[in-house]
């Protein structure tokens, strides 16, 4: 489920892009912002996994 972005938020995001930005640049910025916001929401909801657990799951050294 995607987070809601207001028109004001969208305008601010676009204003931060360089003058010669491409559609791909804009899509990347939207993706990065959405990913960060989802991660923050998961963290606040306690939906986290420790680094130690991830390392153990994939057989990586601690």
PDB file of N, CA and C in Angstrom:
ATOM      1  N   UNK A   1       0.849  -1.175   0.000  1.00  0.00           N
ATOM      2  CA  UNK A   1       0.000   0.000   0.000  1.00  0.00           C
ATOM      3  C   UNK A   1       0.894   1.238   0.000  1.00  0.00           C
ATOM      4  N   UNK A   2       0.645   2.153  -0.862  1.00  0.00           N
ATOM      5  CA  UNK A   2       1.442   3.362  -0.968  1.00  0.00           C
ATOM      6  C   UNK A   2       0.980   4.419   0.016  1.00  0.00           C
ATOM      7  N   UNK A   3       1.946   5.188   0.483  1.00  0.00           N
ATOM      8  CA  UNK A   3       1.633   6.308   1.362  1.00  0.00           C
ATOM      9  C   UNK A   3       1.014   7.427   0.529  1.00  0.00           C
ATOM     10  N   UNK A   4       0.237   8.257   1.169  1.00  0.00           N
ATOM     11  CA  UNK A   4      -0.389   9.379   0.485  1.00  0.00           C
ATOM     12  C   UNK A   4       0.598  10.529   0.368  1.00  0.00           C
ATOM     13  N   UNK A   5       0.685  11.107  -0.815  1.00  0.00           N
ATOM     14  CA  UNK A   5       1.551  12.258  -1.036  1.00  0.00           C
ATOM     15  C   UNK A   5       0.669  13.431  -1.437  1.00  0.00           C
ATOM     16  N   UNK A   6       0.785  14.524  -0.713  1.00  0.00           N
ATOM     17  CA  UNK A   6      -0.011  15.696  -1.054  1.00  0.00           C
ATOM     18  C   UNK A   6       0.596  16.393  -2.267  1.00  0.00           C
ATOM     19  N   UNK A   7      -0.200  17.228  -2.903  1.00  0.00           N
ATOM     20  CA  UNK A   7       0.303  17.998  -4.038  1.00  0.00           C
ATOM     21  C   UNK A   7       1.453  18.892  -3.602  1.00  0.00           C
ATOM     22  N   UNK A   8       1.344  19.425  -2.382  1.00  0.00           N
ATOM     23  CA  UNK A   8       2.401  20.290  -1.855  1.00  0.00           C
ATOM     24  C   UNK A   8       3.706  19.508  -1.708  1.00  0.00           C
ATOM     25  N   UNK A   9       3.608  18.261  -1.207  1.00  0.00           N
ATOM     26  CA  UNK A   9       4.792  17.411  -1.089  1.00  0.00           C
ATOM     27  C   UNK A   9       5.395  17.140  -2.463  1.00  0.00           C
ATOM     28  N   UNK A  10       4.539  16.880  -3.437  1.00  0.00           N
ATOM     29  CA  UNK A  10       5.009  16.600  -4.796  1.00  0.00           C
ATOM     30  C   UNK A  10       5.712  17.821  -5.380  1.00  0.00           C
ATOM     31  N   UNK A  11       5.145  18.991  -5.161  1.00  0.00           N
ATOM     32  CA  UNK A  11       5.767  20.226  -5.667  1.00  0.00           C
ATOM     33  C   UNK A  11       7.138  20.431  -5.029  1.00  0.00           C
ATOM     34  N   UNK A  12       7.242  20.202  -3.733  1.00  0.00           N
ATOM     35  CA  UNK A  12       8.520  20.364  -3.038  1.00  0.00           C
ATOM     36  C   UNK A  12       9.559  19.397  -3.585  1.00  0.00           C
ATOM     37  N   UNK A  13       9.144  18.160  -3.829  1.00  0.00           N
ATOM     38  CA  UNK A  13      10.056  17.160  -4.374  1.00  0.00           C
ATOM     39  C   UNK A  13      10.555  17.583  -5.747  1.00  0.00           C
ATOM     40  N   UNK A  14       9.657  18.059  -6.588  1.00  0.00           N
ATOM     41  CA  UNK A  14      10.026  18.491  -7.936  1.00  0.00           C
ATOM     42  C   UNK A  14      10.946  19.705  -7.885  1.00  0.00           C
ATOM     43  N   UNK A  15      10.674  20.621  -6.987  1.00  0.00           N
ATOM     44  CA  UNK A  15      11.509  21.826  -6.868  1.00  0.00           C
ATOM     45  C   UNK A  15      12.945  21.494  -6.480  1.00  0.00           C
ATOM     46  N   UNK A  16      13.148  20.376  -5.800  1.00  0.00           N
ATOM     47  CA  UNK A  16      14.493  19.985  -5.368  1.00  0.00           C
ATOM     48  C   UNK A  16      15.309  19.347  -6.493  1.00  0.00           C
ATOM     49  N   UNK A  17      14.643  18.944  -7.561  1.00  0.00           N
ATOM     50  CA  UNK A  17      15.349  18.318  -8.681  1.00  0.00           C
ATOM     51  C   UNK A  17      16.087  19.373  -9.505  1.00  0.00           C
ATOM     52  N   UNK A  18      17.181  18.973 -10.137  1.00  0.00           N
ATOM     53  CA  UNK A  18      17.884  19.925 -11.013  1.00  0.00           C
ATOM     54  C   UNK A  18      17.024  20.278 -12.231  1.00  0.00           C
ATOM     55  N   UNK A  19      17.342  21.372 -12.862  1.00  0.00           N
ATOM     56  CA  UNK A  19      16.575  21.867 -14.008  1.00  0.00           C
ATOM     57  C   UNK A  19      16.520  20.830 -15.134  1.00  0.00           C
ATOM     58  N   UNK A  20      17.587  20.074 -15.309  1.00  0.00           N
ATOM     59  CA  UNK A  20      17.657  19.109 -16.408  1.00  0.00           C
ATOM     60  C   UNK A  20      17.240  17.694 -15.985  1.00  0.00           C
ATOM     61  N   UNK A  21      16.466  17.575 -14.900  1.00  0.00           N
ATOM     62  CA  UNK A  21      16.033  16.261 -14.411  1.00  0.00           C
ATOM     63  C   UNK A  21      15.148  15.557 -15.435  1.00  0.00           C
ATOM     64  N   UNK A  22      15.237  14.243 -15.435  1.00  0.00           N
ATOM     65  CA  UNK A  22      14.429  13.434 -16.344  1.00  0.00           C
ATOM     66  C   UNK A  22      13.246  12.839 -15.579  1.00  0.00           C
ATOM     67  N   UNK A  23      12.330  12.225 -16.328  1.00  0.00           N
ATOM     68  CA  UNK A  23      11.225  11.519 -15.684  1.00  0.00           C
ATOM     69  C   UNK A  23      11.779  10.403 -14.799  1.00  0.00           C
ATOM     70  N   UNK A  24      12.844   9.764 -15.267  1.00  0.00           N
ATOM     71  CA  UNK A  24      13.468   8.689 -14.488  1.00  0.00           C
ATOM     72  C   UNK A  24      14.004   9.232 -13.155  1.00  0.00           C
ATOM     73  N   UNK A  25      14.587  10.424 -13.176  1.00  0.00           N
ATOM     74  CA  UNK A  25      15.068  11.056 -11.940  1.00  0.00           C
ATOM     75  C   UNK A  25      13.912  11.274 -10.967  1.00  0.00           C
ATOM     76  N   UNK A  26      12.803  11.759 -11.476  1.00  0.00           N
ATOM     77  CA  UNK A  26      11.632  12.011 -10.642  1.00  0.00           C
ATOM     78  C   UNK A  26      11.092  10.703 -10.061  1.00  0.00           C
ATOM     79  N   UNK A  27      10.981   9.678 -10.894  1.00  0.00           N
ATOM     80  CA  UNK A  27      10.476   8.388 -10.422  1.00  0.00           C
ATOM     81  C   UNK A  27      11.398   7.805  -9.351  1.00  0.00           C
ATOM     82  N   UNK A  28      12.708   7.984  -9.532  1.00  0.00           N
ATOM     83  CA  UNK A  28      13.665   7.490  -8.543  1.00  0.00           C
ATOM     84  C   UNK A  28      13.467   8.198  -7.203  1.00  0.00           C
ATOM     85  N   UNK A  29      13.328   9.505  -7.240  1.00  0.00           N
ATOM     86  CA  UNK A  29      13.127  10.273  -6.008  1.00  0.00           C
ATOM     87  C   UNK A  29      11.841   9.861  -5.298  1.00  0.00           C
ATOM     88  N   UNK A  30      10.785   9.640  -6.052  1.00  0.00           N
ATOM     89  CA  UNK A  30       9.515   9.194  -5.462  1.00  0.00           C
ATOM     90  C   UNK A  30       9.699   7.819  -4.830  1.00  0.00           C
ATOM     91  N   UNK A  31      10.383   6.914  -5.544  1.00  0.00           N
ATOM     92  CA  UNK A  31      10.626   5.568  -5.022  1.00  0.00           C
ATOM     93  C   UNK A  31      11.431   5.616  -3.724  1.00  0.00           C
ATOM     94  N   UNK A  32      12.491   6.419  -3.702  1.00  0.00           N
ATOM     95  CA  UNK A  32      13.339   6.522  -2.510  1.00  0.00           C
ATOM     96  C   UNK A  32      12.527   7.069  -1.340  1.00  0.00           C
ATOM     97  N   UNK A  33      11.774   8.110  -1.583  1.00  0.00           N
ATOM     98  CA  UNK A  33      10.969   8.697  -0.511  1.00  0.00           C
ATOM     99  C   UNK A  33       9.948   7.697   0.031  1.00  0.00           C
ATOM    100  N   UNK A  34       9.252   7.002  -0.870  1.00  0.00           N
ATOM    101  CA  UNK A  34       8.245   6.029  -0.460  1.00  0.00           C
ATOM    102  C   UNK A  34       8.882   4.899   0.351  1.00  0.00           C
ATOM    103  N   UNK A  35      10.047   4.432  -0.093  1.00  0.00           N
ATOM    104  CA  UNK A  35      10.737   3.358   0.601  1.00  0.00           C
ATOM    105  C   UNK A  35      11.151   3.786   2.006  1.00  0.00           C
ATOM    106  N   UNK A  36      11.671   4.988   2.137  1.00  0.00           N
ATOM    107  CA  UNK A  36      12.065   5.500   3.455  1.00  0.00           C
ATOM    108  C   UNK A  36      10.847   5.640   4.355  1.00  0.00           C
ATOM    109  N   UNK A  37       9.766   6.190   3.833  1.00  0.00           N
ATOM    110  CA  UNK A  37       8.560   6.368   4.646  1.00  0.00           C
ATOM    111  C   UNK A  37       7.981   5.033   5.097  1.00  0.00           C
ATOM    112  N   UNK A  38       8.012   4.022   4.222  1.00  0.00           N
ATOM    113  CA  UNK A  38       7.537   2.693   4.602  1.00  0.00           C
ATOM    114  C   UNK A  38       8.425   2.101   5.697  1.00  0.00           C
ATOM    115  N   UNK A  39       9.726   2.275   5.562  1.00  0.00           N
ATOM    116  CA  UNK A  39      10.662   1.777   6.566  1.00  0.00           C
ATOM    117  C   UNK A  39      10.461   2.450   7.906  1.00  0.00           C
ATOM    118  N   UNK A  40      10.239   3.743   7.879  1.00  0.00           N
ATOM    119  CA  UNK A  40       9.990   4.487   9.122  1.00  0.00           C
ATOM    120  C   UNK A  40       8.703   4.006   9.788  1.00  0.00           C
ATOM    121  N   UNK A  41       7.666   3.778   8.993  1.00  0.00           N
ATOM    122  CA  UNK A  41       6.397   3.300   9.535  1.00  0.00           C
ATOM    123  C   UNK A  41       6.563   1.905  10.137  1.00  0.00           C
ATOM    124  N   UNK A  42       7.291   1.026   9.455  1.00  0.00           N
ATOM    125  CA  UNK A  42       7.557  -0.308   9.991  1.00  0.00           C
ATOM    126  C   UNK A  42       8.314  -0.219  11.308  1.00  0.00           C
ATOM    127  N   UNK A  43       9.309   0.636  11.348  1.00  0.00           N
ATOM    128  CA  UNK A  43      10.103   0.800  12.561  1.00  0.00           C
ATOM    129  C   UNK A  43       9.247   1.291  13.721  1.00  0.00           C
ATOM    130  N   UNK A  44       8.415   2.277  13.457  1.00  0.00           N
ATOM    131  CA  UNK A  44       7.550   2.814  14.513  1.00  0.00           C
ATOM    132  C   UNK A  44       6.527   1.790  14.981  1.00  0.00           C
ATOM    133  N   UNK A  45       6.141   0.871  14.090  1.00  0.00           N
ATOM    134  CA  UNK A  45       5.174  -0.166  14.447  1.00  0.00           C
ATOM    135  C   UNK A  45       5.845  -1.381  15.087  1.00  0.00           C
ATOM    136  N   UNK A  46       7.176  -1.340  15.181  1.00  0.00           N
ATOM    137  CA  UNK A  46       7.903  -2.441  15.789  1.00  0.00           C
ATOM    138  C   UNK A  46       8.154  -3.602  14.849  1.00  0.00           C
ATOM    139  N   UNK A  47       7.914  -3.404  13.560  1.00  0.00           N
ATOM    140  CA  UNK A  47       8.144  -4.460  12.561  1.00  0.00           C
ATOM    141  C   UNK A  47       9.593  -4.417  12.095  1.00  0.00           C
ATOM    142  N   UNK A  48      10.493  -4.867  12.954  1.00  0.00           N
ATOM    143  CA  UNK A  48      11.915  -4.807  12.640  1.00  0.00           C
ATOM    144  C   UNK A  48      12.562  -6.171  12.880  1.00  0.00           C
ATOM    145  N   UNK A  49      13.701  -6.382  12.258  1.00  0.00           N
ATOM    146  CA  UNK A  49      14.504  -7.582  12.451  1.00  0.00           C
ATOM    147  C   UNK A  49      15.923  -7.118  12.761  1.00  0.00           C
ATOM    148  N   UNK A  50      16.519  -7.686  13.780  1.00  0.00           N
ATOM    149  CA  UNK A  50      17.864  -7.260  14.170  1.00  0.00           C
ATOM    150  C   UNK A  50      18.880  -7.697  13.116  1.00  0.00           C
ATOM    151  N   UNK A  51      19.988  -6.971  13.080  1.00  0.00           N
ATOM    152  CA  UNK A  51      21.067  -7.294  12.156  1.00  0.00           C
ATOM    153  C   UNK A  51      21.602  -8.692  12.470  1.00  0.00           C
ATOM    154  N   UNK A  52      21.707  -9.027  13.743  1.00  0.00           N
ATOM    155  CA  UNK A  52      22.196 -10.349  14.145  1.00  0.00           C
ATOM    156  C   UNK A  52      21.303 -11.452  13.580  1.00  0.00           C
ATOM    157  N   UNK A  53      19.984 -11.251  13.625  1.00  0.00           N
ATOM    158  CA  UNK A  53      19.054 -12.249  13.084  1.00  0.00           C
ATOM    159  C   UNK A  53      19.208 -12.402  11.572  1.00  0.00           C
ATOM    160  N   UNK A  54      19.395 -11.310  10.869  1.00  0.00           N
ATOM    161  CA  UNK A  54      19.584 -11.359   9.417  1.00  0.00           C
ATOM    162  C   UNK A  54      20.888 -12.079   9.087  1.00  0.00           C
ATOM    163  N   UNK A  55      21.950 -11.735   9.813  1.00  0.00           N
ATOM    164  CA  UNK A  55      23.244 -12.401   9.580  1.00  0.00           C
ATOM    165  C   UNK A  55      23.123 -13.907   9.805  1.00  0.00           C
ATOM    166  N   UNK A  56      22.435 -14.285  10.874  1.00  0.00           N
ATOM    167  CA  UNK A  56      22.251 -15.701  11.186  1.00  0.00           C
ATOM    168  C   UNK A  56      21.444 -16.387  10.084  1.00  0.00           C
ATOM    169  N   UNK A  57      20.378 -15.742   9.636  1.00  0.00           N
ATOM    170  CA  UNK A  57      19.512 -16.309   8.603  1.00  0.00           C
ATOM    171  C   UNK A  57      20.287 -16.627   7.319  1.00  0.00           C
ATOM    172  N   UNK A  58      21.223 -15.746   6.965  1.00  0.00           N
ATOM    173  CA  UNK A  58      21.964 -15.918   5.716  1.00  0.00           C
ATOM    174  C   UNK A  58      23.370 -16.488   5.924  1.00  0.00           C
ATOM    175  N   UNK A  59      23.640 -16.948   7.143  1.00  0.00           N
ATOM    176  CA  UNK A  59      24.924 -17.587   7.424  1.00  0.00           C
ATOM    177  C   UNK A  59      26.111 -16.642   7.343  1.00  0.00           C
ATOM    178  N   UNK A  60      25.892 -15.388   7.677  1.00  0.00           N
ATOM    179  CA  UNK A  60      26.968 -14.389   7.634  1.00  0.00           C
ATOM    180  C   UNK A  60      27.616 -14.268   9.006  1.00  0.00           C
ATOM    181  N   UNK A  61      28.902 -13.943   9.049  1.00  0.00           N
ATOM    182  CA  UNK A  61      29.563 -13.778  10.343  1.00  0.00           C
ATOM    183  C   UNK A  61      29.023 -12.562  11.092  1.00  0.00           C
ATOM    184  N   UNK A  62      29.050 -12.670  12.403  1.00  0.00           N
ATOM    185  CA  UNK A  62      28.552 -11.546  13.206  1.00  0.00           C
ATOM    186  C   UNK A  62      29.642 -10.625  13.496  1.00  0.00           C
TER     187      UNK A  62
END
